[in-house]
Amino acid sequence: MSAEENKAVFRRVIEEGLNKGDLAVLDDCFPPQYIEHQFGLPSTLEEFKDSIRFLRDTFAPFSLTIEEMVADGDKVWARMTGRGTDSKGLMGRPATGKSS
């Protein structure tokens, strides 16, 4: 795929998968053997979907805004802003209800 096609896939994953919660989009965008390397811990496509579910549930409503995106061949980098409300608490602490 071209750099522009890779950017389109990235945008689709963020806008439809993360922001709208349509995780079936990830099945269209990645092969079943996909390995996610975010946070330095490789995980499967299903584990990546679980991470998205967690973010959307814990910080509901959760969204990412792509501020800037650059692609070089098969690599895409993006600067994004995450927004959500601390609606469930995290790591044993109660929810604050604060939005950011």
Protein backbone atom coordinates (compact mmCIF):
# COMPACT_ATOMS: atom_id res chain seq x y z
CA MET A 1 0.00 0.00 0.00
CA SER A 2 1.06 3.58 -0.55
CA ALA A 3 1.76 5.99 2.30
CA GLU A 4 -1.58 7.70 1.62
CA GLU A 5 -3.44 4.37 1.74
CA ASN A 6 -1.75 3.55 5.05
CA LYS A 7 -2.81 6.92 6.45
CA ALA A 8 -6.40 6.20 5.36
CA VAL A 9 -6.32 2.85 7.19
CA PHE A 10 -4.91 4.51 10.31
CA ARG A 11 -7.60 7.20 10.20
CA ARG A 12 -10.31 4.55 9.80
CA VAL A 13 -9.02 2.59 12.81
CA ILE A 14 -9.07 5.74 14.96
CA GLU A 15 -12.32 7.29 13.76
CA GLU A 16 -14.45 4.18 13.32
CA GLY A 17 -12.77 1.65 15.62
CA LEU A 18 -11.78 3.74 18.61
CA ASN A 19 -14.12 6.72 18.42
CA LYS A 20 -17.29 4.94 17.27
CA GLY A 21 -16.54 1.54 18.83
CA ASP A 22 -17.00 -0.38 15.57
CA LEU A 23 -14.36 -3.03 16.27
CA ALA A 24 -15.29 -5.00 13.14
CA VAL A 25 -13.37 -2.26 11.28
CA LEU A 26 -10.17 -3.70 12.74
CA ASP A 27 -10.93 -7.04 11.07
CA ASP A 28 -11.11 -5.19 7.75
CA CYS A 29 -7.91 -3.23 8.38
CA PHE A 30 -5.60 -5.90 9.82
CA PRO A 31 -4.86 -9.54 9.04
CA PRO A 32 -5.86 -12.13 11.70
CA GLN A 33 -2.19 -12.68 12.61
CA TYR A 34 -1.69 -8.95 13.34
CA ILE A 35 0.48 -8.12 16.36
CA GLU A 36 0.03 -4.78 18.16
CA HIS A 37 3.27 -3.31 19.57
CA GLN A 38 1.91 -0.26 21.35
CA PHE A 39 3.11 0.18 24.93
CA GLY A 40 6.02 -2.16 24.15
CA LEU A 41 3.93 -5.23 24.84
CA PRO A 42 2.99 -7.26 21.75
CA SER A 43 -0.61 -8.38 21.70
CA THR A 44 -3.02 -10.03 19.32
CA LEU A 45 -5.78 -8.34 17.38
CA GLU A 46 -8.33 -9.56 19.94
CA GLU A 47 -6.26 -8.15 22.79
CA PHE A 48 -6.02 -4.84 20.90
CA LYS A 49 -9.82 -4.84 20.65
CA ASP A 50 -10.03 -5.52 24.40
CA SER A 51 -7.79 -2.49 25.03
CA ILE A 52 -10.13 -0.34 22.96
CA ARG A 53 -13.16 -1.68 24.87
CA PHE A 54 -11.39 -0.87 28.15
CA LEU A 55 -10.61 2.72 27.10
CA ARG A 56 -14.13 3.31 25.80
CA ASP A 57 -15.66 1.92 28.99
CA THR A 58 -13.31 3.42 31.57
CA PHE A 59 -13.18 6.90 30.05
CA ALA A 60 -16.66 7.09 28.52
CA PRO A 61 -17.17 8.95 26.36
CA PHE A 62 -13.67 8.39 24.96
CA SER A 63 -12.33 9.80 21.71
CA LEU A 64 -9.09 10.51 19.91
CA THR A 65 -8.59 13.47 17.60
CA ILE A 66 -5.85 13.19 15.00
CA GLU A 67 -3.98 16.49 15.14
CA GLU A 68 -1.22 15.61 12.70
CA MET A 69 -0.29 12.51 10.69
CA VAL A 70 2.80 11.57 8.72
CA ALA A 71 3.43 8.43 6.69
CA ASP A 72 6.60 7.00 5.22
CA GLY A 73 6.07 3.80 3.30
CA ASP A 74 4.37 1.31 5.63
CA LYS A 75 4.86 3.41 8.79
CA VAL A 76 2.37 5.98 10.07
CA TRP A 77 2.94 8.35 12.97
CA ALA A 78 0.26 10.54 14.47
CA ARG A 79 -0.02 13.20 17.11
CA MET A 80 -3.40 12.80 18.74
CA THR A 81 -5.41 14.28 21.57
CA GLY A 82 -7.39 11.89 23.76
CA ARG A 83 -10.53 13.02 25.53
CA GLY A 84 -12.75 11.26 27.97
CA THR A 85 -14.35 11.26 31.39
CA ASP A 86 -12.92 9.29 34.29
CA SER A 87 -16.15 7.32 34.62
CA LYS A 88 -14.96 4.02 36.16
CA GLY A 89 -11.78 4.78 38.10
CA LEU A 90 -8.49 3.11 37.42
CA MET A 91 -6.10 0.79 39.24
CA GLY A 92 -8.20 0.63 42.40
CA ARG A 93 -9.02 4.31 42.75
CA PRO A 94 -12.60 5.51 42.42
CA ALA A 95 -13.84 7.45 39.41
CA THR A 96 -13.42 11.21 39.61
CA GLY A 97 -16.06 12.07 37.01
CA LYS A 98 -13.64 14.63 35.58
CA SER A 99 -13.42 15.16 31.85
CA SER A 100 -10.34 16.12 29.93
